Amino acid sequence: MIKHVVAFKVNSNYKKEEKEVAIKEIVDALEKLPSKIEQIKSYEVSINVTEKSNAMDFLLISEFDNFEDLQIYQNHHEHIAVVAIIAKHKESSWFVDYFKEEFLITS
């Protein structure tokens, strides 16, 4: 199982209302992907609730059976369309892809 985690910050020049509209547009588009891309095993989109300036605005956590399925997702035309929406509003982002099983900590 591979996890794909991405955090996004929308344009900091946006007024509060513009930011809310942008985040809603992006989140709505992201939330439609699991029904369109069968390789997605789990998908969670969350909006940040803090007001700290260094916080990202929203987070995506998704899971795939393997790296090949992640690549299919990333190259899928529906995902590429959402990336274009994000690009209109994105100031910055970061991501981490990792194999879930390799980082389990047991006592």
PDB file of N, CA and C in Angstrom:
ATOM      1  N   MET A   1       0.852  -1.176   0.000  1.00  0.00           N
ATOM      2  CA  MET A   1       0.000   0.000   0.000  1.00  0.00           C
ATOM      3  C   MET A   1       0.897   1.238   0.000  1.00  0.00           C
ATOM      4  N   ILE A   2       0.581   2.198  -0.865  1.00  0.00           N
ATOM      5  CA  ILE A   2       1.324   3.453  -0.898  1.00  0.00           C
ATOM      6  C   ILE A   2       0.374   4.593  -0.535  1.00  0.00           C
ATOM      7  N   LYS A   3       0.877   5.472   0.306  1.00  0.00           N
ATOM      8  CA  LYS A   3       0.119   6.662   0.690  1.00  0.00           C
ATOM      9  C   LYS A   3       0.675   7.861  -0.060  1.00  0.00           C
ATOM     10  N   HIS A   4      -0.229   8.714  -0.491  1.00  0.00           N
ATOM     11  CA  HIS A   4       0.098   9.945  -1.211  1.00  0.00           C
ATOM     12  C   HIS A   4      -0.531  11.086  -0.411  1.00  0.00           C
ATOM     13  N   VAL A   5       0.311  11.938   0.158  1.00  0.00           N
ATOM     14  CA  VAL A   5      -0.153  13.027   1.006  1.00  0.00           C
ATOM     15  C   VAL A   5       0.285  14.344   0.371  1.00  0.00           C
ATOM     16  N   VAL A   6      -0.669  15.247   0.178  1.00  0.00           N
ATOM     17  CA  VAL A   6      -0.371  16.539  -0.444  1.00  0.00           C
ATOM     18  C   VAL A   6      -1.049  17.635   0.379  1.00  0.00           C
ATOM     19  N   ALA A   7      -0.306  18.705   0.647  1.00  0.00           N
ATOM     20  CA  ALA A   7      -0.870  19.873   1.322  1.00  0.00           C
ATOM     21  C   ALA A   7      -0.738  21.075   0.391  1.00  0.00           C
ATOM     22  N   PHE A   8      -1.738  21.946   0.420  1.00  0.00           N
ATOM     23  CA  PHE A   8      -1.783  23.082  -0.484  1.00  0.00           C
ATOM     24  C   PHE A   8      -2.042  24.374   0.283  1.00  0.00           C
ATOM     25  N   LYS A   9      -1.467  25.433  -0.232  1.00  0.00           N
ATOM     26  CA  LYS A   9      -1.761  26.778   0.259  1.00  0.00           C
ATOM     27  C   LYS A   9      -2.227  27.590  -0.950  1.00  0.00           C
ATOM     28  N   VAL A  10      -3.393  28.212  -0.801  1.00  0.00           N
ATOM     29  CA  VAL A  10      -3.891  29.045  -1.896  1.00  0.00           C
ATOM     30  C   VAL A  10      -3.216  30.412  -1.845  1.00  0.00           C
ATOM     31  N   ASN A  11      -3.396  31.160  -2.902  1.00  0.00           N
ATOM     32  CA  ASN A  11      -2.770  32.460  -3.059  1.00  0.00           C
ATOM     33  C   ASN A  11      -2.998  33.339  -1.822  1.00  0.00           C
ATOM     34  N   SER A  12      -1.918  33.777  -1.198  1.00  0.00           N
ATOM     35  CA  SER A  12      -2.027  34.585   0.023  1.00  0.00           C
ATOM     36  C   SER A  12      -2.534  35.999  -0.253  1.00  0.00           C
ATOM     37  N   ASN A  13      -2.589  36.399  -1.512  1.00  0.00           N
ATOM     38  CA  ASN A  13      -3.136  37.709  -1.861  1.00  0.00           C
ATOM     39  C   ASN A  13      -4.662  37.703  -1.937  1.00  0.00           C
ATOM     40  N   TYR A  14      -5.251  36.509  -1.869  1.00  0.00           N
ATOM     41  CA  TYR A  14      -6.707  36.422  -1.916  1.00  0.00           C
ATOM     42  C   TYR A  14      -7.323  37.026  -0.653  1.00  0.00           C
ATOM     43  N   LYS A  15      -8.440  37.707  -0.846  1.00  0.00           N
ATOM     44  CA  LYS A  15      -9.246  38.145   0.293  1.00  0.00           C
ATOM     45  C   LYS A  15      -9.927  36.901   0.866  1.00  0.00           C
ATOM     46  N   LYS A  16     -10.452  37.002   2.061  1.00  0.00           N
ATOM     47  CA  LYS A  16     -11.055  35.857   2.740  1.00  0.00           C
ATOM     48  C   LYS A  16     -12.112  35.171   1.868  1.00  0.00           C
ATOM     49  N   GLU A  17     -12.960  35.949   1.243  1.00  0.00           N
ATOM     50  CA  GLU A  17     -14.036  35.380   0.415  1.00  0.00           C
ATOM     51  C   GLU A  17     -13.463  34.671  -0.813  1.00  0.00           C
ATOM     52  N   GLU A  18     -12.458  35.269  -1.435  1.00  0.00           N
ATOM     53  CA  GLU A  18     -11.811  34.644  -2.597  1.00  0.00           C
ATOM     54  C   GLU A  18     -11.164  33.324  -2.205  1.00  0.00           C
ATOM     55  N   LYS A  19     -10.522  33.315  -1.060  1.00  0.00           N
ATOM     56  CA  LYS A  19      -9.870  32.102  -0.559  1.00  0.00           C
ATOM     57  C   LYS A  19     -10.905  30.998  -0.331  1.00  0.00           C
ATOM     58  N   GLU A  20     -12.019  31.341   0.293  1.00  0.00           N
ATOM     59  CA  GLU A  20     -13.070  30.357   0.557  1.00  0.00           C
ATOM     60  C   GLU A  20     -13.638  29.786  -0.740  1.00  0.00           C
ATOM     61  N   VAL A  21     -13.862  30.635  -1.715  1.00  0.00           N
ATOM     62  CA  VAL A  21     -14.385  30.181  -3.011  1.00  0.00           C
ATOM     63  C   VAL A  21     -13.380  29.264  -3.698  1.00  0.00           C
ATOM     64  N   ALA A  22     -12.109  29.640  -3.675  1.00  0.00           N
ATOM     65  CA  ALA A  22     -11.065  28.828  -4.308  1.00  0.00           C
ATOM     66  C   ALA A  22     -10.960  27.461  -3.647  1.00  0.00           C
ATOM     67  N   ILE A  23     -10.938  27.445  -2.323  1.00  0.00           N
ATOM     68  CA  ILE A  23     -10.828  26.170  -1.606  1.00  0.00           C
ATOM     69  C   ILE A  23     -12.043  25.296  -1.898  1.00  0.00           C
ATOM     70  N   LYS A  24     -13.233  25.874  -1.915  1.00  0.00           N
ATOM     71  CA  LYS A  24     -14.437  25.083  -2.213  1.00  0.00           C
ATOM     72  C   LYS A  24     -14.361  24.497  -3.620  1.00  0.00           C
ATOM     73  N   GLU A  25     -13.937  25.295  -4.594  1.00  0.00           N
ATOM     74  CA  GLU A  25     -13.825  24.807  -5.969  1.00  0.00           C
ATOM     75  C   GLU A  25     -12.849  23.623  -6.038  1.00  0.00           C
ATOM     76  N   ILE A  26     -11.711  23.757  -5.385  1.00  0.00           N
ATOM     77  CA  ILE A  26     -10.693  22.696  -5.412  1.00  0.00           C
ATOM     78  C   ILE A  26     -11.176  21.450  -4.686  1.00  0.00           C
ATOM     79  N   VAL A  27     -11.692  21.627  -3.484  1.00  0.00           N
ATOM     80  CA  VAL A  27     -12.139  20.476  -2.687  1.00  0.00           C
ATOM     81  C   VAL A  27     -13.271  19.748  -3.392  1.00  0.00           C
ATOM     82  N   ASP A  28     -14.219  20.475  -3.952  1.00  0.00           N
ATOM     83  CA  ASP A  28     -15.326  19.838  -4.684  1.00  0.00           C
ATOM     84  C   ASP A  28     -14.789  18.996  -5.844  1.00  0.00           C
ATOM     85  N   ALA A  29     -13.807  19.528  -6.557  1.00  0.00           N
ATOM     86  CA  ALA A  29     -13.220  18.785  -7.685  1.00  0.00           C
ATOM     87  C   ALA A  29     -12.467  17.558  -7.200  1.00  0.00           C
ATOM     88  N   LEU A  30     -11.682  17.707  -6.139  1.00  0.00           N
ATOM     89  CA  LEU A  30     -10.931  16.567  -5.601  1.00  0.00           C
ATOM     90  C   LEU A  30     -11.852  15.456  -5.121  1.00  0.00           C
ATOM     91  N   GLU A  31     -12.929  15.826  -4.453  1.00  0.00           N
ATOM     92  CA  GLU A  31     -13.825  14.829  -3.877  1.00  0.00           C
ATOM     93  C   GLU A  31     -14.553  13.981  -4.928  1.00  0.00           C
ATOM     94  N   LYS A  32     -14.569  14.426  -6.160  1.00  0.00           N
ATOM     95  CA  LYS A  32     -15.207  13.660  -7.237  1.00  0.00           C
ATOM     96  C   LYS A  32     -14.289  12.582  -7.819  1.00  0.00           C
ATOM     97  N   LEU A  33     -12.994  12.688  -7.568  1.00  0.00           N
ATOM     98  CA  LEU A  33     -12.049  11.769  -8.212  1.00  0.00           C
ATOM     99  C   LEU A  33     -12.217  10.300  -7.830  1.00  0.00           C
ATOM    100  N   PRO A  34     -12.510   9.962  -6.575  1.00  0.00           N
ATOM    101  CA  PRO A  34     -12.627   8.521  -6.258  1.00  0.00           C
ATOM    102  C   PRO A  34     -13.676   7.778  -7.082  1.00  0.00           C
ATOM    103  N   SER A  35     -14.722   8.456  -7.478  1.00  0.00           N
ATOM    104  CA  SER A  35     -15.749   7.786  -8.289  1.00  0.00           C
ATOM    105  C   SER A  35     -15.337   7.686  -9.760  1.00  0.00           C
ATOM    106  N   LYS A  36     -14.268   8.363 -10.138  1.00  0.00           N
ATOM    107  CA  LYS A  36     -13.833   8.388 -11.525  1.00  0.00           C
ATOM    108  C   LYS A  36     -12.540   7.619 -11.784  1.00  0.00           C
ATOM    109  N   ILE A  37     -11.786   7.346 -10.713  1.00  0.00           N
ATOM    110  CA  ILE A  37     -10.491   6.680 -10.881  1.00  0.00           C
ATOM    111  C   ILE A  37     -10.463   5.456  -9.970  1.00  0.00           C
ATOM    112  N   GLU A  38     -10.560   4.294 -10.567  1.00  0.00           N
ATOM    113  CA  GLU A  38     -10.726   3.067  -9.789  1.00  0.00           C
ATOM    114  C   GLU A  38      -9.499   2.679  -8.962  1.00  0.00           C
ATOM    115  N   GLN A  39      -8.344   3.196  -9.283  1.00  0.00           N
ATOM    116  CA  GLN A  39      -7.125   2.840  -8.547  1.00  0.00           C
ATOM    117  C   GLN A  39      -7.085   3.431  -7.138  1.00  0.00           C
ATOM    118  N   ILE A  40      -7.909   4.422  -6.871  1.00  0.00           N
ATOM    119  CA  ILE A  40      -7.940   5.043  -5.542  1.00  0.00           C
ATOM    120  C   ILE A  40      -8.581   4.069  -4.560  1.00  0.00           C
ATOM    121  N   LYS A  41      -7.862   3.743  -3.488  1.00  0.00           N
ATOM    122  CA  LYS A  41      -8.377   2.836  -2.466  1.00  0.00           C
ATOM    123  C   LYS A  41      -8.980   3.597  -1.296  1.00  0.00           C
ATOM    124  N   SER A  42      -8.409   4.723  -0.927  1.00  0.00           N
ATOM    125  CA  SER A  42      -9.019   5.610   0.063  1.00  0.00           C
ATOM    126  C   SER A  42      -8.621   7.036  -0.287  1.00  0.00           C
ATOM    127  N   TYR A  43      -9.464   7.974   0.135  1.00  0.00           N
ATOM    128  CA  TYR A  43      -9.277   9.361  -0.287  1.00  0.00           C
ATOM    129  C   TYR A  43      -9.895  10.265   0.755  1.00  0.00           C
ATOM    130  N   GLU A  44      -9.099  11.150   1.313  1.00  0.00           N
ATOM    131  CA  GLU A  44      -9.580  12.079   2.324  1.00  0.00           C
ATOM    132  C   GLU A  44      -9.088  13.484   1.979  1.00  0.00           C
ATOM    133  N   VAL A  45     -10.022  14.410   1.915  1.00  0.00           N
ATOM    134  CA  VAL A  45      -9.691  15.809   1.673  1.00  0.00           C
ATOM    135  C   VAL A  45     -10.168  16.587   2.896  1.00  0.00           C
ATOM    136  N   SER A  46      -9.252  17.348   3.506  1.00  0.00           N
ATOM    137  CA  SER A  46      -9.577  18.078   4.730  1.00  0.00           C
ATOM    138  C   SER A  46      -9.144  19.527   4.604  1.00  0.00           C
ATOM    139  N   ILE A  47      -9.970  20.411   5.146  1.00  0.00           N
ATOM    140  CA  ILE A  47      -9.678  21.842   5.127  1.00  0.00           C
ATOM    141  C   ILE A  47      -9.118  22.246   6.486  1.00  0.00           C
ATOM    142  N   ASN A  48      -8.039  23.015   6.472  1.00  0.00           N
ATOM    143  CA  ASN A  48      -7.416  23.501   7.687  1.00  0.00           C
ATOM    144  C   ASN A  48      -8.389  24.392   8.463  1.00  0.00           C
ATOM    145  N   VAL A  49      -8.365  24.293   9.788  1.00  0.00           N
ATOM    146  CA  VAL A  49      -9.265  25.093  10.622  1.00  0.00           C
ATOM    147  C   VAL A  49      -8.524  26.146  11.446  1.00  0.00           C
ATOM    148  N   THR A  50      -7.204  26.229  11.324  1.00  0.00           N
ATOM    149  CA  THR A  50      -6.456  27.225  12.093  1.00  0.00           C
ATOM    150  C   THR A  50      -6.211  28.469  11.252  1.00  0.00           C
ATOM    151  N   GLU A  51      -5.896  29.554  11.916  1.00  0.00           N
ATOM    152  CA  GLU A  51      -5.656  30.833  11.248  1.00  0.00           C
ATOM    153  C   GLU A  51      -4.168  31.169  11.166  1.00  0.00           C
ATOM    154  N   LYS A  52      -3.293  30.253  11.509  1.00  0.00           N
ATOM    155  CA  LYS A  52      -1.860  30.543  11.515  1.00  0.00           C
ATOM    156  C   LYS A  52      -1.350  30.773  10.101  1.00  0.00           C
ATOM    157  N   SER A  53      -0.480  31.755   9.950  1.00  0.00           N
ATOM    158  CA  SER A  53      -0.009  32.142   8.622  1.00  0.00           C
ATOM    159  C   SER A  53       0.847  31.070   7.955  1.00  0.00           C
ATOM    160  N   ASN A  54       1.503  30.249   8.738  1.00  0.00           N
ATOM    161  CA  ASN A  54       2.362  29.225   8.144  1.00  0.00           C
ATOM    162  C   ASN A  54       1.634  27.902   7.905  1.00  0.00           C
ATOM    163  N   ALA A  55       0.335  27.854   8.180  1.00  0.00           N
ATOM    164  CA  ALA A  55      -0.444  26.634   7.962  1.00  0.00           C
ATOM    165  C   ALA A  55      -0.840  26.516   6.494  1.00  0.00           C
ATOM    166  N   MET A  56      -0.906  25.296   6.020  1.00  0.00           N
ATOM    167  CA  MET A  56      -1.433  25.043   4.684  1.00  0.00           C
ATOM    168  C   MET A  56      -2.959  25.144   4.762  1.00  0.00           C
ATOM    169  N   ASP A  57      -3.615  25.303   3.615  1.00  0.00           N
ATOM    170  CA  ASP A  57      -5.067  25.515   3.605  1.00  0.00           C
ATOM    171  C   ASP A  57      -5.884  24.227   3.534  1.00  0.00           C
ATOM    172  N   PHE A  58      -5.376  23.236   2.834  1.00  0.00           N
ATOM    173  CA  PHE A  58      -6.090  21.954   2.802  1.00  0.00           C
ATOM    174  C   PHE A  58      -5.126  20.828   2.509  1.00  0.00           C
ATOM    175  N   LEU A  59      -5.594  19.626   2.808  1.00  0.00           N
ATOM    176  CA  LEU A  59      -4.756  18.436   2.769  1.00  0.00           C
ATOM    177  C   LEU A  59      -5.487  17.311   2.052  1.00  0.00           C
ATOM    178  N   LEU A  60      -4.743  16.559   1.270  1.00  0.00           N
ATOM    179  CA  LEU A  60      -5.261  15.364   0.607  1.00  0.00           C
ATOM    180  C   LEU A  60      -4.437  14.176   1.084  1.00  0.00           C
ATOM    181  N   ILE A  61      -5.111  13.130   1.548  1.00  0.00           N
ATOM    182  CA  ILE A  61      -4.453  11.881   1.913  1.00  0.00           C
ATOM    183  C   ILE A  61      -5.134  10.780   1.114  1.00  0.00           C
ATOM    184  N   SER A  62      -4.369  10.091   0.281  1.00  0.00           N
ATOM    185  CA  SER A  62      -4.943   9.030  -0.540  1.00  0.00           C
ATOM    186  C   SER A  62      -4.078   7.785  -0.456  1.00  0.00           C
ATOM    187  N   GLU A  63      -4.697   6.644  -0.762  1.00  0.00           N
ATOM    188  CA  GLU A  63      -3.992   5.366  -0.737  1.00  0.00           C
ATOM    189  C   GLU A  63      -4.218   4.611  -2.036  1.00  0.00           C
ATOM    190  N   PHE A  64      -3.175   3.891  -2.416  1.00  0.00           N
ATOM    191  CA  PHE A  64      -3.187   3.079  -3.636  1.00  0.00           C
ATOM    192  C   PHE A  64      -2.533   1.744  -3.321  1.00  0.00           C
ATOM    193  N   ASP A  65      -2.910   0.715  -4.061  1.00  0.00           N
ATOM    194  CA  ASP A  65      -2.341  -0.610  -3.823  1.00  0.00           C
ATOM    195  C   ASP A  65      -0.841  -0.643  -4.056  1.00  0.00           C
ATOM    196  N   ASN A  66      -0.369   0.136  -5.043  1.00  0.00           N
ATOM    197  CA  ASN A  66       1.051   0.098  -5.397  1.00  0.00           C
ATOM    198  C   ASN A  66       1.432   1.394  -6.122  1.00  0.00           C
ATOM    199  N   PHE A  67       2.719   1.532  -6.374  1.00  0.00           N
ATOM    200  CA  PHE A  67       3.225   2.744  -7.017  1.00  0.00           C
ATOM    201  C   PHE A  67       2.670   2.902  -8.428  1.00  0.00           C
ATOM    202  N   GLU A  68       2.470   1.806  -9.129  1.00  0.00           N
ATOM    203  CA  GLU A  68       1.933   1.863 -10.487  1.00  0.00           C
ATOM    204  C   GLU A  68       0.524   2.464 -10.493  1.00  0.00           C
ATOM    205  N   ASP A  69      -0.296   2.082  -9.503  1.00  0.00           N
ATOM    206  CA  ASP A  69      -1.649   2.648  -9.413  1.00  0.00           C
ATOM    207  C   ASP A  69      -1.599   4.142  -9.097  1.00  0.00           C
ATOM    208  N   LEU A  70      -0.645   4.561  -8.275  1.00  0.00           N
ATOM    209  CA  LEU A  70      -0.464   5.986  -8.000  1.00  0.00           C
ATOM    210  C   LEU A  70      -0.126   6.728  -9.288  1.00  0.00           C
ATOM    211  N   GLN A  71       0.735   6.153 -10.096  1.00  0.00           N
ATOM    212  CA  GLN A  71       1.104   6.788 -11.362  1.00  0.00           C
ATOM    213  C   GLN A  71      -0.080   6.861 -12.324  1.00  0.00           C
ATOM    214  N   ILE A  72      -0.900   5.814 -12.354  1.00  0.00           N
ATOM    215  CA  ILE A  72      -2.106   5.836 -13.185  1.00  0.00           C
ATOM    216  C   ILE A  72      -3.006   6.993 -12.740  1.00  0.00           C
ATOM    217  N   TYR A  73      -3.198   7.113 -11.440  1.00  0.00           N
ATOM    218  CA  TYR A  73      -3.991   8.215 -10.882  1.00  0.00           C
ATOM    219  C   TYR A  73      -3.414   9.563 -11.295  1.00  0.00           C
ATOM    220  N   GLN A  74      -2.114   9.744 -11.116  1.00  0.00           N
ATOM    221  CA  GLN A  74      -1.489  11.027 -11.407  1.00  0.00           C
ATOM    222  C   GLN A  74      -1.561  11.396 -12.884  1.00  0.00           C
ATOM    223  N   ASN A  75      -1.592  10.418 -13.758  1.00  0.00           N
ATOM    224  CA  ASN A  75      -1.647  10.663 -15.199  1.00  0.00           C
ATOM    225  C   ASN A  75      -3.059  10.589 -15.781  1.00  0.00           C
ATOM    226  N   HIS A  76      -4.031  10.278 -14.946  1.00  0.00           N
ATOM    227  CA  HIS A  76      -5.415  10.158 -15.391  1.00  0.00           C
ATOM    228  C   HIS A  76      -5.948  11.535 -15.802  1.00  0.00           C
ATOM    229  N   HIS A  77      -6.696  11.592 -16.895  1.00  0.00           N
ATOM    230  CA  HIS A  77      -7.177  12.880 -17.402  1.00  0.00           C
ATOM    231  C   HIS A  77      -8.068  13.620 -16.393  1.00  0.00           C
ATOM    232  N   GLU A  78      -8.817  12.900 -15.575  1.00  0.00           N
ATOM    233  CA  GLU A  78      -9.657  13.553 -14.562  1.00  0.00           C
ATOM    234  C   GLU A  78      -8.787  14.223 -13.495  1.00  0.00           C
ATOM    235  N   HIS A  79      -7.711  13.550 -13.094  1.00  0.00           N
ATOM    236  CA  HIS A  79      -6.787  14.129 -12.115  1.00  0.00           C
ATOM    237  C   HIS A  79      -6.069  15.337 -12.708  1.00  0.00           C
ATOM    238  N   ILE A  80      -5.653  15.225 -13.936  1.00  0.00           N
ATOM    239  CA  ILE A  80      -4.961  16.333 -14.601  1.00  0.00           C
ATOM    240  C   ILE A  80      -5.880  17.563 -14.684  1.00  0.00           C
ATOM    241  N   ALA A  81      -7.163  17.349 -14.902  1.00  0.00           N
ATOM    242  CA  ALA A  81      -8.114  18.465 -14.930  1.00  0.00           C
ATOM    243  C   ALA A  81      -8.211  19.151 -13.565  1.00  0.00           C
ATOM    244  N   VAL A  82      -8.169  18.366 -12.496  1.00  0.00           N
ATOM    245  CA  VAL A  82      -8.206  18.942 -11.149  1.00  0.00           C
ATOM    246  C   VAL A  82      -6.909  19.683 -10.852  1.00  0.00           C
ATOM    247  N   VAL A  83      -5.795  19.148 -11.294  1.00  0.00           N
ATOM    248  CA  VAL A  83      -4.510  19.825 -11.111  1.00  0.00           C
ATOM    249  C   VAL A  83      -4.541  21.206 -11.767  1.00  0.00           C
ATOM    250  N   ALA A  84      -5.194  21.316 -12.898  1.00  0.00           N
ATOM    251  CA  ALA A  84      -5.317  22.611 -13.582  1.00  0.00           C
ATOM    252  C   ALA A  84      -6.133  23.599 -12.743  1.00  0.00           C
ATOM    253  N   ILE A  85      -7.174  23.115 -12.095  1.00  0.00           N
ATOM    254  CA  ILE A  85      -7.968  23.972 -11.210  1.00  0.00           C
ATOM    255  C   ILE A  85      -7.110  24.441 -10.038  1.00  0.00           C
ATOM    256  N   ILE A  86      -6.379  23.514  -9.445  1.00  0.00           N
ATOM    257  CA  ILE A  86      -5.505  23.851  -8.319  1.00  0.00           C
ATOM    258  C   ILE A  86      -4.461  24.877  -8.737  1.00  0.00           C
ATOM    259  N   ALA A  87      -3.887  24.703  -9.899  1.00  0.00           N
ATOM    260  CA  ALA A  87      -2.819  25.597 -10.373  1.00  0.00           C
ATOM    261  C   ALA A  87      -3.286  27.047 -10.467  1.00  0.00           C
ATOM    262  N   LYS A  88      -4.568  27.257 -10.755  1.00  0.00           N
ATOM    263  CA  LYS A  88      -5.106  28.624 -10.842  1.00  0.00           C
ATOM    264  C   LYS A  88      -5.021  29.353  -9.504  1.00  0.00           C
ATOM    265  N   HIS A  89      -5.068  28.600  -8.415  1.00  0.00           N
ATOM    266  CA  HIS A  89      -5.192  29.197  -7.080  1.00  0.00           C
ATOM    267  C   HIS A  89      -3.995  28.918  -6.162  1.00  0.00           C
ATOM    268  N   LYS A  90      -3.149  28.010  -6.522  1.00  0.00           N
ATOM    269  CA  LYS A  90      -2.106  27.523  -5.622  1.00  0.00           C
ATOM    270  C   LYS A  90      -0.953  28.505  -5.472  1.00  0.00           C
ATOM    271  N   GLU A  91      -0.583  28.732  -4.225  1.00  0.00           N
ATOM    272  CA  GLU A  91       0.632  29.483  -3.944  1.00  0.00           C
ATOM    273  C   GLU A  91       1.789  28.514  -3.722  1.00  0.00           C
ATOM    274  N   SER A  92       1.513  27.458  -2.967  1.00  0.00           N
ATOM    275  CA  SER A  92       2.558  26.469  -2.708  1.00  0.00           C
ATOM    276  C   SER A  92       1.922  25.137  -2.354  1.00  0.00           C
ATOM    277  N   SER A  93       2.746  24.115  -2.390  1.00  0.00           N
ATOM    278  CA  SER A  93       2.290  22.784  -1.998  1.00  0.00           C
ATOM    279  C   SER A  93       3.496  21.943  -1.617  1.00  0.00           C
ATOM    280  N   TRP A  94       3.229  20.854  -0.952  1.00  0.00           N
ATOM    281  CA  TRP A  94       4.252  19.851  -0.685  1.00  0.00           C
ATOM    282  C   TRP A  94       3.573  18.495  -0.751  1.00  0.00           C
ATOM    283  N   PHE A  95       4.380  17.476  -0.965  1.00  0.00           N
ATOM    284  CA  PHE A  95       3.799  16.128  -0.997  1.00  0.00           C
ATOM    285  C   PHE A  95       4.791  15.118  -0.433  1.00  0.00           C
ATOM    286  N   VAL A  96       4.233  14.000  -0.010  1.00  0.00           N
ATOM    287  CA  VAL A  96       5.016  12.856   0.453  1.00  0.00           C
ATOM    288  C   VAL A  96       4.324  11.610  -0.084  1.00  0.00           C
ATOM    289  N   ASP A  97       5.097  10.728  -0.705  1.00  0.00           N
ATOM    290  CA  ASP A  97       4.613   9.408  -1.120  1.00  0.00           C
ATOM    291  C   ASP A  97       5.420   8.393  -0.336  1.00  0.00           C
ATOM    292  N   TYR A  98       4.740   7.461   0.322  1.00  0.00           N
ATOM    293  CA  TYR A  98       5.481   6.468   1.105  1.00  0.00           C
ATOM    294  C   TYR A  98       4.717   5.152   1.148  1.00  0.00           C
ATOM    295  N   PHE A  99       5.493   4.097   1.340  1.00  0.00           N
ATOM    296  CA  PHE A  99       4.893   2.782   1.490  1.00  0.00           C
ATOM    297  C   PHE A  99       4.454   2.638   2.932  1.00  0.00           C
ATOM    298  N   LYS A 100       3.184   2.481   3.135  1.00  0.00           N
ATOM    299  CA  LYS A 100       2.580   2.455   4.465  1.00  0.00           C
ATOM    300  C   LYS A 100       3.225   1.418   5.377  1.00  0.00           C
ATOM    301  N   GLU A 101       3.469   0.246   4.874  1.00  0.00           N
ATOM    302  CA  GLU A 101       3.979  -0.849   5.692  1.00  0.00           C
ATOM    303  C   GLU A 101       5.382  -0.588   6.233  1.00  0.00           C
ATOM    304  N   GLU A 102       6.173   0.222   5.564  1.00  0.00           N
ATOM    305  CA  GLU A 102       7.552   0.435   5.959  1.00  0.00           C
ATOM    306  C   GLU A 102       7.692   1.339   7.165  1.00  0.00           C
ATOM    307  N   PHE A 103       6.647   2.050   7.558  1.00  0.00           N
ATOM    308  CA  PHE A 103       6.784   3.012   8.624  1.00  0.00           C
ATOM    309  C   PHE A 103       5.885   2.719   9.819  1.00  0.00           C
ATOM    310  N   LEU A 104       5.397   1.523   9.897  1.00  0.00           N
ATOM    311  CA  LEU A 104       4.589   1.159  11.059  1.00  0.00           C
ATOM    312  C   LEU A 104       5.494   1.028  12.268  1.00  0.00           C
ATOM    313  N   ILE A 105       5.093   1.651  13.343  1.00  0.00           N
ATOM    314  CA  ILE A 105       5.875   1.589  14.584  1.00  0.00           C
ATOM    315  C   ILE A 105       5.097   0.719  15.550  1.00  0.00           C
ATOM    316  N   THR A 106       5.769  -0.278  16.066  1.00  0.00           N
ATOM    317  CA  THR A 106       5.123  -1.165  17.031  1.00  0.00           C
ATOM    318  C   THR A 106       5.889  -1.109  18.336  1.00  0.00           C
ATOM    319  N   SER A 107       5.191  -1.406  19.415  1.00  0.00           N
ATOM    320  CA  SER A 107       5.851  -1.361  20.718  1.00  0.00           C
ATOM    321  C   SER A 107       6.426  -2.705  21.090  1.00  0.00           C
TER     322      SER A 107
END
